[in-house]
Protein backbone atom coordinates (compact mmCIF):
# COMPACT_ATOMS: atom_id res chain seq x y z
CA UNK A 1 11.44 5.18 20.59
CA UNK A 2 10.00 2.51 18.28
CA UNK A 3 12.58 1.69 15.62
CA UNK A 4 9.86 0.65 13.19
CA UNK A 5 7.72 2.82 10.97
CA UNK A 6 4.99 1.96 8.38
CA UNK A 7 4.29 4.21 5.44
CA UNK A 8 0.69 3.86 4.23
CA UNK A 9 0.45 5.21 0.64
CA UNK A 10 -3.04 6.81 -0.04
CA UNK A 11 -4.63 9.02 -2.62
CA UNK A 12 -7.07 11.81 -1.89
CA UNK A 13 -10.38 9.91 -2.39
CA UNK A 14 -11.97 12.30 -4.93
CA UNK A 15 -14.36 10.93 -7.62
CA UNK A 16 -12.51 10.17 -10.86
CA UNK A 17 -9.01 10.24 -9.46
CA UNK A 18 -8.86 6.81 -7.70
CA UNK A 19 -8.98 3.20 -9.06
CA UNK A 20 -9.46 4.40 -12.67
CA UNK A 21 -9.52 0.86 -14.16
CA UNK A 22 -12.12 -0.26 -11.69
CA UNK A 23 -14.14 2.90 -12.29
CA UNK A 24 -14.29 2.01 -15.97
CA UNK A 25 -16.53 -0.94 -15.07
CA UNK A 26 -18.33 -0.04 -11.90
CA UNK A 27 -18.48 3.78 -12.30
CA UNK A 28 -16.62 6.60 -10.60
CA UNK A 29 -18.96 6.86 -7.61
CA UNK A 30 -18.77 3.18 -6.70
CA UNK A 31 -14.97 3.17 -7.24
CA UNK A 32 -14.61 6.13 -4.94
CA UNK A 33 -16.70 4.57 -2.23
CA UNK A 34 -14.90 1.28 -2.54
CA UNK A 35 -11.54 3.03 -2.18
CA UNK A 36 -12.63 4.80 0.97
CA UNK A 37 -13.66 1.40 2.45
CA UNK A 38 -10.35 -0.12 1.38
CA UNK A 39 -8.60 2.63 3.47
CA UNK A 40 -10.83 2.19 6.49
CA UNK A 41 -10.50 -1.54 6.53
CA UNK A 42 -6.73 -1.35 6.19
CA UNK A 43 -6.44 1.23 8.94
CA UNK A 44 -8.46 -1.04 11.24
CA UNK A 45 -5.87 -3.75 10.67
CA UNK A 46 -2.90 -1.52 10.93
CA UNK A 47 -4.02 0.19 14.12
CA UNK A 48 -3.77 -3.11 15.93
CA UNK A 49 -0.11 -3.31 15.24
CA UNK A 50 2.58 -1.83 17.58
CA UNK A 51 4.42 0.57 15.32
CA UNK A 52 4.12 4.21 14.26
CA UNK A 53 1.96 4.77 11.13
CA UNK A 54 2.19 7.61 8.61
CA UNK A 55 -0.53 8.20 6.07
CA UNK A 56 1.45 9.32 3.06
CA UNK A 57 -1.02 11.31 0.95
CA UNK A 58 -1.13 12.41 -2.68
CA UNK A 59 -1.42 15.03 -4.10
CA UNK A 60 0.70 16.93 -1.64
CA UNK A 61 -1.89 19.72 -1.11
CA UNK A 62 -4.67 17.31 0.10
CA UNK A 63 -3.96 17.34 3.84
CA UNK A 64 -7.27 19.04 4.73
CA UNK A 65 -9.25 16.64 2.62
CA UNK A 66 -7.43 13.60 4.11
CA UNK A 67 -8.03 14.75 7.64
CA UNK A 68 -11.75 15.32 6.93
CA UNK A 69 -12.23 12.00 5.22
CA UNK A 70 -10.16 9.50 7.22
CA UNK A 71 -9.50 11.49 10.44
CA UNK A 72 -7.21 14.08 12.07
CA UNK A 73 -5.88 11.53 14.49
CA UNK A 74 -3.29 10.09 12.15
CA UNK A 75 0.15 11.31 11.37
CA UNK A 76 0.39 12.52 7.80
CA UNK A 77 3.21 12.91 5.36
CA UNK A 78 2.91 14.40 1.78
CA UNK A 79 4.09 12.42 -1.14
CA UNK A 80 6.53 14.71 -2.91
CA UNK A 81 8.04 13.95 -6.32
CA UNK A 82 7.39 13.85 -10.08
CA UNK A 83 6.32 10.19 -10.21
CA UNK A 84 5.51 7.31 -7.91
CA UNK A 85 9.07 6.20 -7.52
CA UNK A 86 10.23 9.69 -6.53
CA UNK A 87 7.32 9.92 -4.07
CA UNK A 88 8.21 6.57 -2.42
CA UNK A 89 11.84 7.46 -2.20
CA UNK A 90 10.97 10.86 -0.63
CA UNK A 91 8.80 9.26 2.10
CA UNK A 92 11.48 6.61 2.93
CA UNK A 93 14.04 9.37 3.35
CA UNK A 94 11.63 11.35 5.62
CA UNK A 95 11.14 8.33 7.77
CA UNK A 96 14.86 7.44 8.02
CA UNK A 97 15.69 11.03 8.88
CA UNK A 98 13.58 10.58 12.04
CA UNK A 99 15.90 7.77 13.04
CA UNK A 100 13.58 4.88 12.28
CA UNK A 101 15.74 1.81 11.64
CA UNK A 102 13.26 -0.38 9.74
CA UNK A 103 10.68 1.14 7.36
CA UNK A 104 7.98 -0.62 5.41
CA UNK A 105 5.72 0.93 2.75
CA UNK A 106 2.44 -0.51 1.61
CA UNK A 107 -0.35 0.58 -0.85
CA UNK A 108 -3.96 1.14 0.01
CA UNK A 109 -5.87 -1.27 -2.23
CA UNK A 110 -5.27 -4.36 -0.09
CA UNK A 111 -8.28 -4.35 2.29
CA UNK A 112 -7.92 -8.00 3.30
CA UNK A 113 -4.15 -8.04 3.79
CA UNK A 114 -3.52 -9.83 7.12
CA UNK A 115 -1.65 -7.94 9.77
CA UNK A 116 0.57 -10.93 10.20
CA UNK A 117 2.19 -10.21 6.81
CA UNK A 118 3.18 -6.72 8.00
CA UNK A 119 4.63 -8.32 11.15
CA UNK A 120 6.60 -10.74 8.98
CA UNK A 121 7.90 -7.84 6.89
CA UNK A 122 9.25 -6.05 9.90
CA UNK A 123 10.57 -9.20 11.50
CA UNK A 124 12.47 -10.21 8.25
CA UNK A 125 14.34 -6.83 8.36
CA UNK A 126 16.17 -7.99 11.43
CA UNK A 127 18.28 -10.20 9.12
CA UNK A 128 17.46 -9.27 5.49
CA UNK A 129 18.50 -5.96 3.86
CA UNK A 130 15.10 -5.50 2.27
CA UNK A 131 11.62 -7.08 2.01
CA UNK A 132 9.23 -7.17 -0.85
CA UNK A 133 5.61 -8.34 -1.25
CA UNK A 134 4.88 -9.41 -4.89
CA UNK A 135 1.52 -8.84 -6.51
CA UNK A 136 -0.09 -11.27 -8.97
CA UNK A 137 0.25 -8.79 -11.83
CA UNK A 138 4.03 -8.41 -11.61
CA UNK A 139 4.21 -5.45 -9.25
CA UNK A 140 4.61 -5.32 -5.51
CA UNK A 141 2.30 -4.29 -2.74
CA UNK A 142 4.95 -3.81 -0.08
CA UNK A 143 8.54 -2.75 -0.03
CA UNK A 144 10.83 -2.23 3.02
CA UNK A 145 14.37 -1.59 4.13
CA UNK A 146 16.74 -1.35 7.00
CA UNK A 147 18.12 2.12 7.25
CA UNK A 148 21.74 1.20 6.46
CA UNK A 149 20.65 -0.71 3.35
CA UNK A 150 18.14 1.75 1.85
CA UNK A 151 18.55 1.51 -1.95
CA UNK A 152 16.70 4.46 -3.57
CA UNK A 153 17.94 3.32 -6.96
CA UNK A 154 14.99 0.82 -7.10
CA UNK A 155 12.71 3.76 -7.65
CA UNK A 156 14.48 5.19 -10.65
CA UNK A 157 13.61 4.44 -14.29
CA UNK A 158 10.73 2.07 -13.51
CA UNK A 159 7.77 1.80 -15.83
CA UNK A 160 5.11 1.84 -13.09
CA UNK A 161 1.87 -0.14 -13.38
CA UNK A 162 3.47 -2.66 -15.75
CA UNK A 163 4.19 -6.33 -15.39
CA UNK A 164 7.98 -5.81 -15.16
CA UNK A 165 8.04 -3.69 -12.02
CA UNK A 166 8.84 -6.53 -9.62
CA UNK A 167 11.52 -8.15 -11.76
CA UNK A 168 13.17 -4.81 -12.47
CA UNK A 169 13.17 -4.02 -8.76
CA UNK A 170 14.68 -7.36 -7.85
CA UNK A 171 17.37 -6.98 -10.57
CA UNK A 172 18.45 -3.56 -9.05
CA UNK A 173 18.54 -5.06 -5.52
CA UNK A 174 20.66 -7.99 -6.77
CA UNK A 175 23.04 -5.56 -8.52
CA UNK A 176 23.52 -3.73 -5.16
CA UNK A 177 24.03 -7.06 -3.45
CA UNK A 178 21.00 -6.61 -1.16
CA UNK A 179 19.44 -9.64 0.44
CA UNK A 180 15.64 -9.74 -0.05
CA UNK A 181 12.96 -11.44 1.98
CA UNK A 182 9.91 -12.43 -0.14
CA UNK A 183 6.53 -12.25 1.34
CA UNK A 184 3.49 -14.21 0.10
CA UNK A 185 2.03 -13.01 -3.25
CA UNK A 186 -1.12 -10.97 -2.85
CA UNK A 187 -3.69 -9.61 -5.22
CA UNK A 188 -4.37 -5.85 -5.00
CA UNK A 189 -7.65 -4.57 -6.35
CA UNK A 190 -7.38 -2.75 -9.68
CA UNK A 191 -10.13 -4.45 -11.78
CA UNK A 192 -13.58 -5.89 -11.52
CA UNK A 193 -12.07 -9.32 -11.72
CA UNK A 194 -9.85 -8.50 -8.77
CA UNK A 195 -12.84 -7.32 -6.83
CA UNK A 196 -14.81 -10.53 -7.66
CA UNK A 197 -11.97 -12.73 -6.42
CA UNK A 198 -11.64 -10.57 -3.33
CA UNK A 199 -15.33 -11.05 -2.61
CA UNK A 200 -15.15 -14.86 -3.13
CA UNK A 201 -12.19 -15.29 -0.73
CA UNK A 202 -13.80 -13.11 1.98
CA UNK A 203 -17.48 -13.86 1.81
CA UNK A 204 -17.33 -16.38 4.56
CA UNK A 205 -14.77 -14.57 6.76
CA UNK A 206 -14.79 -11.43 9.03
CA UNK A 207 -12.10 -9.76 7.01
CA UNK A 208 -12.60 -6.34 5.44
CA UNK A 209 -16.06 -5.74 6.96
CA UNK A 210 -16.63 -2.24 5.55
CA UNK A 211 -15.75 -3.27 2.01
CA UNK A 212 -17.64 -6.47 2.17
CA UNK A 213 -20.78 -4.76 3.52
CA UNK A 214 -20.65 -2.17 0.75
CA UNK A 215 -20.26 -4.86 -1.96
CA UNK A 216 -23.15 -6.89 -0.46
CA UNK A 217 -25.47 -3.94 0.08
CA UNK A 218 -24.99 -2.60 -3.40
CA UNK A 219 -24.80 -5.96 -5.22
CA UNK A 220 -21.63 -4.89 -6.96
CA UNK A 221 -19.80 -8.12 -7.93
CA UNK A 222 -22.88 -9.76 -9.48
CA UNK A 223 -23.41 -6.98 -12.05
């Protein structure tokens, strides 16, 4: 059995329920289509890696929609809990209950995240207790643990979507004497400015082909 497992956190791509800050500037329909392309580009990267993948979906009654939109070939796990922290803790517990020894969780708005960063995350857990990938805005795009050092306290009492998420999380890990491997900072896509910067860094690469094609075909970032 593979001792590693990746938890891919996704929302049901319904108009008006995803990427709300981005939708305020580009419109709900465009934000919805972009989010679908983020998911497909990320899955294309993740499928090349040698570890089991679970699509952790929200809301928890959206399984049929998820299978229709992104495919029935994936393993799915519902996000259960009253807030994001509770949902992340639940999915970690589910993975560890299946005897995975190293579990990494990532979000779904990082369409150009290189697969090598995921490999680094898993590799770091051979020595470190935990691993974290900081975002530019003070949050994190990836979190991971070894089974024996899982620290669910990092998901409690956090003001999600604020600039203090990363520091608060690191403070809790330090309190519990967990060693932490820090991955490179990355910019997830929440705003039009994030989208423009994403376009600029990928316009001459082969990364994120579905997202880039959609942006070019619809002239999104020049609006």
